[in-house]
Amino acid sequence: MPMSVRLDARTERLLNRLARAKGQTKSEVVRDAIERLAREEASDKAASGPYEAIAHLIGCADSGGAGLSERTGEKFRTLLRERRRARRAG
């Protein structure tokens, strides 16, 4: 199916050079490039899972030195004890 694409001068020179170097027509080079791009995108999507979706967010927040992940077990145990005391006293 015929299609027109407008290229800037630099891209057109690059396309002409690639076509000559590969011994292909410009159309063949463009079709190959589109197929290659589609395969890359498909493999990127297949390889990505939940972790990859949020990887750029991991470690980006700062607690301001609050040490939120320090001694969490001890803090949780203290919280449970305080709740139990409050229920008994109430």
PDB file of N, CA and C in Angstrom:
ATOM      1  N   MET A   1       0.853  -1.170   0.000  1.00  0.00           N
ATOM      2  CA  MET A   1       0.000   0.000   0.000  1.00  0.00           C
ATOM      3  C   MET A   1       0.902   1.238   0.000  1.00  0.00           C
ATOM      4  N   PRO A   2       0.731   2.120  -0.936  1.00  0.00           N
ATOM      5  CA  PRO A   2       1.567   3.324  -1.010  1.00  0.00           C
ATOM      6  C   PRO A   2       1.310   4.258   0.169  1.00  0.00           C
ATOM      7  N   MET A   3       2.384   4.925   0.571  1.00  0.00           N
ATOM      8  CA  MET A   3       2.291   5.867   1.676  1.00  0.00           C
ATOM      9  C   MET A   3       3.377   6.920   1.497  1.00  0.00           C
ATOM     10  N   SER A   4       3.086   8.144   1.855  1.00  0.00           N
ATOM     11  CA  SER A   4       4.081   9.216   1.765  1.00  0.00           C
ATOM     12  C   SER A   4       4.559   9.576   3.154  1.00  0.00           C
ATOM     13  N   VAL A   5       5.841   9.816   3.267  1.00  0.00           N
ATOM     14  CA  VAL A   5       6.432  10.229   4.544  1.00  0.00           C
ATOM     15  C   VAL A   5       7.322  11.431   4.261  1.00  0.00           C
ATOM     16  N   ARG A   6       7.187  12.457   5.057  1.00  0.00           N
ATOM     17  CA  ARG A   6       8.025  13.641   4.889  1.00  0.00           C
ATOM     18  C   ARG A   6       9.240  13.512   5.802  1.00  0.00           C
ATOM     19  N   LEU A   7      10.411  13.637   5.227  1.00  0.00           N
ATOM     20  CA  LEU A   7      11.656  13.516   5.979  1.00  0.00           C
ATOM     21  C   LEU A   7      12.414  14.831   5.920  1.00  0.00           C
ATOM     22  N   ASP A   8      13.081  15.150   7.004  1.00  0.00           N
ATOM     23  CA  ASP A   8      13.975  16.300   6.955  1.00  0.00           C
ATOM     24  C   ASP A   8      15.218  15.881   6.162  1.00  0.00           C
ATOM     25  N   ALA A   9      16.020  16.859   5.773  1.00  0.00           N
ATOM     26  CA  ALA A   9      17.169  16.590   4.898  1.00  0.00           C
ATOM     27  C   ALA A   9      18.154  15.608   5.533  1.00  0.00           C
ATOM     28  N   ARG A  10      18.406  15.758   6.807  1.00  0.00           N
ATOM     29  CA  ARG A  10      19.363  14.875   7.501  1.00  0.00           C
ATOM     30  C   ARG A  10      18.873  13.425   7.485  1.00  0.00           C
ATOM     31  N   THR A  11      17.589  13.220   7.793  1.00  0.00           N
ATOM     32  CA  THR A  11      17.029  11.867   7.824  1.00  0.00           C
ATOM     33  C   THR A  11      17.016  11.261   6.423  1.00  0.00           C
ATOM     34  N   GLU A  12      16.734  12.064   5.429  1.00  0.00           N
ATOM     35  CA  GLU A  12      16.742  11.554   4.059  1.00  0.00           C
ATOM     36  C   GLU A  12      18.145  11.125   3.635  1.00  0.00           C
ATOM     37  N   ARG A  13      19.159  11.901   4.003  1.00  0.00           N
ATOM     38  CA  ARG A  13      20.549  11.506   3.693  1.00  0.00           C
ATOM     39  C   ARG A  13      20.895  10.199   4.395  1.00  0.00           C
ATOM     40  N   LEU A  14      20.482  10.078   5.636  1.00  0.00           N
ATOM     41  CA  LEU A  14      20.742   8.859   6.395  1.00  0.00           C
ATOM     42  C   LEU A  14      20.047   7.662   5.746  1.00  0.00           C
ATOM     43  N   LEU A  15      18.804   7.837   5.344  1.00  0.00           N
ATOM     44  CA  LEU A  15      18.065   6.759   4.689  1.00  0.00           C
ATOM     45  C   LEU A  15      18.739   6.351   3.384  1.00  0.00           C
ATOM     46  N   ASN A  16      19.157   7.326   2.583  1.00  0.00           N
ATOM     47  CA  ASN A  16      19.847   7.017   1.323  1.00  0.00           C
ATOM     48  C   ASN A  16      21.140   6.257   1.577  1.00  0.00           C
ATOM     49  N   ARG A  17      21.893   6.685   2.585  1.00  0.00           N
ATOM     50  CA  ARG A  17      23.164   6.023   2.905  1.00  0.00           C
ATOM     51  C   ARG A  17      22.926   4.586   3.364  1.00  0.00           C
ATOM     52  N   LEU A  18      21.918   4.387   4.234  1.00  0.00           N
ATOM     53  CA  LEU A  18      21.601   3.032   4.699  1.00  0.00           C
ATOM     54  C   LEU A  18      21.164   2.134   3.549  1.00  0.00           C
ATOM     55  N   ALA A  19      20.340   2.660   2.666  1.00  0.00           N
ATOM     56  CA  ALA A  19      19.856   1.862   1.533  1.00  0.00           C
ATOM     57  C   ALA A  19      21.020   1.428   0.642  1.00  0.00           C
ATOM     58  N   ARG A  20      21.943   2.353   0.361  1.00  0.00           N
ATOM     59  CA  ARG A  20      23.114   1.998  -0.465  1.00  0.00           C
ATOM     60  C   ARG A  20      23.977   0.959   0.252  1.00  0.00           C
ATOM     61  N   ALA A  21      24.234   1.174   1.541  1.00  0.00           N
ATOM     62  CA  ALA A  21      25.112   0.275   2.296  1.00  0.00           C
ATOM     63  C   ALA A  21      24.528  -1.132   2.395  1.00  0.00           C
ATOM     64  N   LYS A  22      23.216  -1.243   2.519  1.00  0.00           N
ATOM     65  CA  LYS A  22      22.575  -2.549   2.667  1.00  0.00           C
ATOM     66  C   LYS A  22      22.176  -3.162   1.326  1.00  0.00           C
ATOM     67  N   GLY A  23      22.263  -2.375   0.265  1.00  0.00           N
ATOM     68  CA  GLY A  23      21.851  -2.882  -1.042  1.00  0.00           C
ATOM     69  C   GLY A  23      20.350  -3.083  -1.122  1.00  0.00           C
ATOM     70  N   GLN A  24      19.608  -2.218  -0.442  1.00  0.00           N
ATOM     71  CA  GLN A  24      18.149  -2.309  -0.412  1.00  0.00           C
ATOM     72  C   GLN A  24      17.552  -1.014  -0.945  1.00  0.00           C
ATOM     73  N   THR A  25      16.258  -1.081  -1.220  1.00  0.00           N
ATOM     74  CA  THR A  25      15.562   0.147  -1.571  1.00  0.00           C
ATOM     75  C   THR A  25      15.275   0.921  -0.284  1.00  0.00           C
ATOM     76  N   LYS A  26      14.945   2.188  -0.445  1.00  0.00           N
ATOM     77  CA  LYS A  26      14.595   2.989   0.738  1.00  0.00           C
ATOM     78  C   LYS A  26      13.366   2.405   1.425  1.00  0.00           C
ATOM     79  N   SER A  27      12.421   1.921   0.649  1.00  0.00           N
ATOM     80  CA  SER A  27      11.209   1.325   1.217  1.00  0.00           C
ATOM     81  C   SER A  27      11.543   0.096   2.059  1.00  0.00           C
ATOM     82  N   GLU A  28      12.466  -0.729   1.565  1.00  0.00           N
ATOM     83  CA  GLU A  28      12.862  -1.918   2.327  1.00  0.00           C
ATOM     84  C   GLU A  28      13.524  -1.530   3.645  1.00  0.00           C
ATOM     85  N   VAL A  29      14.364  -0.512   3.618  1.00  0.00           N
ATOM     86  CA  VAL A  29      15.026  -0.054   4.847  1.00  0.00           C
ATOM     87  C   VAL A  29      13.984   0.435   5.850  1.00  0.00           C
ATOM     88  N   VAL A  30      13.012   1.200   5.364  1.00  0.00           N
ATOM     89  CA  VAL A  30      11.965   1.711   6.258  1.00  0.00           C
ATOM     90  C   VAL A  30      11.140   0.564   6.824  1.00  0.00           C
ATOM     91  N   ARG A  31      10.754  -0.397   5.990  1.00  0.00           N
ATOM     92  CA  ARG A  31       9.972  -1.544   6.484  1.00  0.00           C
ATOM     93  C   ARG A  31      10.758  -2.334   7.526  1.00  0.00           C
ATOM     94  N   ASP A  32      12.052  -2.573   7.255  1.00  0.00           N
ATOM     95  CA  ASP A  32      12.888  -3.293   8.221  1.00  0.00           C
ATOM     96  C   ASP A  32      12.977  -2.542   9.554  1.00  0.00           C
ATOM     97  N   ALA A  33      13.128  -1.232   9.468  1.00  0.00           N
ATOM     98  CA  ALA A  33      13.239  -0.428  10.687  1.00  0.00           C
ATOM     99  C   ALA A  33      11.951  -0.488  11.496  1.00  0.00           C
ATOM    100  N   ILE A  34      10.807  -0.428  10.830  1.00  0.00           N
ATOM    101  CA  ILE A  34       9.520  -0.490  11.532  1.00  0.00           C
ATOM    102  C   ILE A  34       9.341  -1.864  12.177  1.00  0.00           C
ATOM    103  N   GLU A  35       9.678  -2.923  11.451  1.00  0.00           N
ATOM    104  CA  GLU A  35       9.568  -4.270  12.027  1.00  0.00           C
ATOM    105  C   GLU A  35      10.470  -4.426  13.242  1.00  0.00           C
ATOM    106  N   ARG A  36      11.698  -3.937  13.137  1.00  0.00           N
ATOM    107  CA  ARG A  36      12.646  -4.028  14.241  1.00  0.00           C
ATOM    108  C   ARG A  36      12.135  -3.259  15.463  1.00  0.00           C
ATOM    109  N   LEU A  37      11.607  -2.068  15.235  1.00  0.00           N
ATOM    110  CA  LEU A  37      11.061  -1.264  16.328  1.00  0.00           C
ATOM    111  C   LEU A  37       9.873  -1.963  16.989  1.00  0.00           C
ATOM    112  N   ALA A  38       9.012  -2.561  16.183  1.00  0.00           N
ATOM    113  CA  ALA A  38       7.852  -3.283  16.721  1.00  0.00           C
ATOM    114  C   ALA A  38       8.296  -4.478  17.561  1.00  0.00           C
ATOM    115  N   ARG A  39       9.314  -5.217  17.108  1.00  0.00           N
ATOM    116  CA  ARG A  39       9.828  -6.352  17.888  1.00  0.00           C
ATOM    117  C   ARG A  39      10.426  -5.886  19.207  1.00  0.00           C
ATOM    118  N   GLU A  40      11.199  -4.789  19.157  1.00  0.00           N
ATOM    119  CA  GLU A  40      11.791  -4.247  20.391  1.00  0.00           C
ATOM    120  C   GLU A  40      10.720  -3.882  21.399  1.00  0.00           C
ATOM    121  N   GLU A  41       9.687  -3.188  20.932  1.00  0.00           N
ATOM    122  CA  GLU A  41       8.627  -2.762  21.836  1.00  0.00           C
ATOM    123  C   GLU A  41       7.890  -3.952  22.422  1.00  0.00           C
ATOM    124  N   ALA A  42       7.632  -4.956  21.598  1.00  0.00           N
ATOM    125  CA  ALA A  42       6.946  -6.160  22.078  1.00  0.00           C
ATOM    126  C   ALA A  42       7.782  -6.878  23.122  1.00  0.00           C
ATOM    127  N   SER A  43       9.094  -6.973  22.907  1.00  0.00           N
ATOM    128  CA  SER A  43       9.938  -7.669  23.880  1.00  0.00           C
ATOM    129  C   SER A  43      10.090  -6.847  25.156  1.00  0.00           C
ATOM    130  N   ASP A  44      10.100  -5.520  25.040  1.00  0.00           N
ATOM    131  CA  ASP A  44      10.155  -4.666  26.231  1.00  0.00           C
ATOM    132  C   ASP A  44       8.910  -4.853  27.084  1.00  0.00           C
ATOM    133  N   LYS A  45       7.749  -4.910  26.432  1.00  0.00           N
ATOM    134  CA  LYS A  45       6.499  -5.085  27.173  1.00  0.00           C
ATOM    135  C   LYS A  45       6.432  -6.468  27.796  1.00  0.00           C
ATOM    136  N   ALA A  46       6.914  -7.478  27.086  1.00  0.00           N
ATOM    137  CA  ALA A  46       6.876  -8.845  27.606  1.00  0.00           C
ATOM    138  C   ALA A  46       7.809  -8.997  28.798  1.00  0.00           C
ATOM    139  N   ALA A  47       8.937  -8.301  28.778  1.00  0.00           N
ATOM    140  CA  ALA A  47       9.921  -8.427  29.842  1.00  0.00           C
ATOM    141  C   ALA A  47       9.533  -7.622  31.069  1.00  0.00           C
ATOM    142  N   SER A  48       8.661  -6.656  30.907  1.00  0.00           N
ATOM    143  CA  SER A  48       8.344  -5.813  32.050  1.00  0.00           C
ATOM    144  C   SER A  48       7.204  -6.402  32.868  1.00  0.00           C
ATOM    145  N   GLY A  49       7.367  -6.340  34.151  1.00  0.00           N
ATOM    146  CA  GLY A  49       6.352  -6.789  35.084  1.00  0.00           C
ATOM    147  C   GLY A  49       6.057  -5.674  36.055  1.00  0.00           C
ATOM    148  N   PRO A  50       5.444  -5.991  37.158  1.00  0.00           N
ATOM    149  CA  PRO A  50       5.098  -4.960  38.138  1.00  0.00           C
ATOM    150  C   PRO A  50       6.320  -4.205  38.660  1.00  0.00           C
ATOM    151  N   TYR A  51       7.418  -4.922  38.911  1.00  0.00           N
ATOM    152  CA  TYR A  51       8.614  -4.251  39.428  1.00  0.00           C
ATOM    153  C   TYR A  51       9.144  -3.232  38.422  1.00  0.00           C
ATOM    154  N   GLU A  52       9.251  -3.643  37.159  1.00  0.00           N
ATOM    155  CA  GLU A  52       9.774  -2.747  36.133  1.00  0.00           C
ATOM    156  C   GLU A  52       8.890  -1.523  35.963  1.00  0.00           C
ATOM    157  N   ALA A  53       7.585  -1.696  36.183  1.00  0.00           N
ATOM    158  CA  ALA A  53       6.652  -0.576  36.026  1.00  0.00           C
ATOM    159  C   ALA A  53       6.890   0.517  37.061  1.00  0.00           C
ATOM    160  N   ILE A  54       7.363   0.136  38.266  1.00  0.00           N
ATOM    161  CA  ILE A  54       7.571   1.142  39.313  1.00  0.00           C
ATOM    162  C   ILE A  54       9.028   1.294  39.717  1.00  0.00           C
ATOM    163  N   ALA A  55       9.931   0.651  38.998  1.00  0.00           N
ATOM    164  CA  ALA A  55      11.350   0.680  39.369  1.00  0.00           C
ATOM    165  C   ALA A  55      11.889   2.101  39.474  1.00  0.00           C
ATOM    166  N   HIS A  56      11.413   2.995  38.624  1.00  0.00           N
ATOM    167  CA  HIS A  56      11.899   4.379  38.660  1.00  0.00           C
ATOM    168  C   HIS A  56      11.450   5.110  39.923  1.00  0.00           C
ATOM    169  N   LEU A  57      10.478   4.566  40.639  1.00  0.00           N
ATOM    170  CA  LEU A  57       9.983   5.204  41.862  1.00  0.00           C
ATOM    171  C   LEU A  57      10.670   4.685  43.125  1.00  0.00           C
ATOM    172  N   ILE A  58      11.255   3.507  43.040  1.00  0.00           N
ATOM    173  CA  ILE A  58      11.845   2.882  44.227  1.00  0.00           C
ATOM    174  C   ILE A  58      13.056   3.685  44.675  1.00  0.00           C
ATOM    175  N   GLY A  59      13.024   4.098  45.926  1.00  0.00           N
ATOM    176  CA  GLY A  59      14.119   4.847  46.514  1.00  0.00           C
ATOM    177  C   GLY A  59      14.112   6.331  46.202  1.00  0.00           C
ATOM    178  N   CYS A  60      13.045   6.838  45.595  1.00  0.00           N
ATOM    179  CA  CYS A  60      13.032   8.251  45.217  1.00  0.00           C
ATOM    180  C   CYS A  60      12.510   9.145  46.338  1.00  0.00           C
ATOM    181  N   ALA A  61      11.906   8.572  47.362  1.00  0.00           N
ATOM    182  CA  ALA A  61      11.358   9.378  48.455  1.00  0.00           C
ATOM    183  C   ALA A  61      12.343   9.417  49.619  1.00  0.00           C
ATOM    184  N   ASP A  62      12.356  10.532  50.297  1.00  0.00           N
ATOM    185  CA  ASP A  62      13.240  10.703  51.449  1.00  0.00           C
ATOM    186  C   ASP A  62      12.371  10.939  52.675  1.00  0.00           C
ATOM    187  N   SER A  63      12.640  10.236  53.743  1.00  0.00           N
ATOM    188  CA  SER A  63      11.850  10.379  54.958  1.00  0.00           C
ATOM    189  C   SER A  63      12.309  11.562  55.794  1.00  0.00           C
ATOM    190  N   GLY A  64      13.310  12.262  55.332  1.00  0.00           N
ATOM    191  CA  GLY A  64      13.815  13.399  56.094  1.00  0.00           C
ATOM    192  C   GLY A  64      14.620  12.958  57.295  1.00  0.00           C
ATOM    193  N   GLY A  65      15.206  11.786  57.204  1.00  0.00           N
ATOM    194  CA  GLY A  65      16.026  11.286  58.304  1.00  0.00           C
ATOM    195  C   GLY A  65      15.223  10.641  59.421  1.00  0.00           C
ATOM    196  N   ALA A  66      13.963  10.315  59.163  1.00  0.00           N
ATOM    197  CA  ALA A  66      13.109   9.755  60.214  1.00  0.00           C
ATOM    198  C   ALA A  66      13.452   8.306  60.541  1.00  0.00           C
ATOM    199  N   GLY A  67      14.224   7.655  59.713  1.00  0.00           N
ATOM    200  CA  GLY A  67      14.603   6.263  59.978  1.00  0.00           C
ATOM    201  C   GLY A  67      13.391   5.362  60.058  1.00  0.00           C
ATOM    202  N   LEU A  68      12.487   5.475  59.106  1.00  0.00           N
ATOM    203  CA  LEU A  68      11.218   4.755  59.164  1.00  0.00           C
ATOM    204  C   LEU A  68      11.369   3.241  59.091  1.00  0.00           C
ATOM    205  N   SER A  69      12.438   2.744  58.511  1.00  0.00           N
ATOM    206  CA  SER A  69      12.580   1.298  58.390  1.00  0.00           C
ATOM    207  C   SER A  69      13.450   0.713  59.502  1.00  0.00           C
ATOM    208  N   GLU A  70      13.830   1.505  60.462  1.00  0.00           N
ATOM    209  CA  GLU A  70      14.665   1.020  61.556  1.00  0.00           C
ATOM    210  C   GLU A  70      13.792   0.527  62.708  1.00  0.00           C
ATOM    211  N   ARG A  71      14.144  -0.617  63.229  1.00  0.00           N
ATOM    212  CA  ARG A  71      13.506  -1.191  64.416  1.00  0.00           C
ATOM    213  C   ARG A  71      11.989  -1.304  64.270  1.00  0.00           C
ATOM    214  N   THR A  72      11.527  -1.669  63.096  1.00  0.00           N
ATOM    215  CA  THR A  72      10.086  -1.734  62.853  1.00  0.00           C
ATOM    216  C   THR A  72       9.412  -2.819  63.685  1.00  0.00           C
ATOM    217  N   GLY A  73      10.077  -3.955  63.840  1.00  0.00           N
ATOM    218  CA  GLY A  73       9.479  -5.025  64.651  1.00  0.00           C
ATOM    219  C   GLY A  73       9.262  -4.584  66.085  1.00  0.00           C
ATOM    220  N   GLU A  74      10.263  -3.918  66.623  1.00  0.00           N
ATOM    221  CA  GLU A  74      10.155  -3.426  68.002  1.00  0.00           C
ATOM    222  C   GLU A  74       9.053  -2.379  68.114  1.00  0.00           C
ATOM    223  N   LYS A  75       8.966  -1.485  67.174  1.00  0.00           N
ATOM    224  CA  LYS A  75       7.935  -0.439  67.191  1.00  0.00           C
ATOM    225  C   LYS A  75       6.542  -1.050  67.081  1.00  0.00           C
ATOM    226  N   PHE A  76       6.393  -2.054  66.237  1.00  0.00           N
ATOM    227  CA  PHE A  76       5.100  -2.698  66.067  1.00  0.00           C
ATOM    228  C   PHE A  76       4.684  -3.427  67.342  1.00  0.00           C
ATOM    229  N   ARG A  77       5.625  -4.113  67.972  1.00  0.00           N
ATOM    230  CA  ARG A  77       5.352  -4.817  69.219  1.00  0.00           C
ATOM    231  C   ARG A  77       4.897  -3.840  70.305  1.00  0.00           C
ATOM    232  N   THR A  78       5.556  -2.690  70.388  1.00  0.00           N
ATOM    233  CA  THR A  78       5.179  -1.664  71.362  1.00  0.00           C
ATOM    234  C   THR A  78       3.780  -1.142  71.081  1.00  0.00           C
ATOM    235  N   LEU A  79       3.466  -0.914  69.826  1.00  0.00           N
ATOM    236  CA  LEU A  79       2.129  -0.453  69.449  1.00  0.00           C
ATOM    237  C   LEU A  79       1.066  -1.451  69.876  1.00  0.00           C
ATOM    238  N   LEU A  80       1.310  -2.748  69.649  1.00  0.00           N
ATOM    239  CA  LEU A  80       0.333  -3.774  70.039  1.00  0.00           C
ATOM    240  C   LEU A  80       0.150  -3.826  71.553  1.00  0.00           C
ATOM    241  N   ARG A  81       1.247  -3.708  72.283  1.00  0.00           N
ATOM    242  CA  ARG A  81       1.149  -3.700  73.756  1.00  0.00           C
ATOM    243  C   ARG A  81       0.324  -2.517  74.239  1.00  0.00           C
ATOM    244  N   GLU A  82       0.560  -1.340  73.659  1.00  0.00           N
ATOM    245  CA  GLU A  82      -0.188  -0.147  74.072  1.00  0.00           C
ATOM    246  C   GLU A  82      -1.670  -0.299  73.764  1.00  0.00           C
ATOM    247  N   ARG A  83      -2.006  -0.881  72.632  1.00  0.00           N
ATOM    248  CA  ARG A  83      -3.418  -1.095  72.295  1.00  0.00           C
ATOM    249  C   ARG A  83      -4.071  -2.078  73.264  1.00  0.00           C
ATOM    250  N   ARG A  84      -3.319  -3.122  73.615  1.00  0.00           N
ATOM    251  CA  ARG A  84      -3.858  -4.105  74.551  1.00  0.00           C
ATOM    252  C   ARG A  84      -4.114  -3.464  75.920  1.00  0.00           C
ATOM    253  N   ARG A  85      -3.167  -2.659  76.385  1.00  0.00           N
ATOM    254  CA  ARG A  85      -3.349  -1.956  77.670  1.00  0.00           C
ATOM    255  C   ARG A  85      -4.552  -1.027  77.627  1.00  0.00           C
ATOM    256  N   ALA A  86      -4.706  -0.328  76.512  1.00  0.00           N
ATOM    257  CA  ALA A  86      -5.817   0.615  76.385  1.00  0.00           C
ATOM    258  C   ALA A  86      -7.161  -0.110  76.412  1.00  0.00           C
ATOM    259  N   ARG A  87      -7.234  -1.296  75.809  1.00  0.00           N
ATOM    260  CA  ARG A  87      -8.474  -2.082  75.816  1.00  0.00           C
ATOM    261  C   ARG A  87      -8.792  -2.580  77.221  1.00  0.00           C
ATOM    262  N   ARG A  88      -7.764  -3.009  77.943  1.00  0.00           N
ATOM    263  CA  ARG A  88      -7.958  -3.519  79.303  1.00  0.00           C
ATOM    264  C   ARG A  88      -8.385  -2.405  80.250  1.00  0.00           C
ATOM    265  N   ALA A  89      -7.791  -1.224  80.051  1.00  0.00           N
ATOM    266  CA  ALA A  89      -8.094  -0.087  80.929  1.00  0.00           C
ATOM    267  C   ALA A  89      -9.455   0.522  80.598  1.00  0.00           C
ATOM    268  N   GLY A  90      -9.911   0.382  79.367  1.00  0.00           N
ATOM    269  CA  GLY A  90     -11.139   1.041  78.895  1.00  0.00           C
ATOM    270  C   GLY A  90     -12.353   0.367  79.300  1.00  0.00           C
TER     271      GLY A  90
END
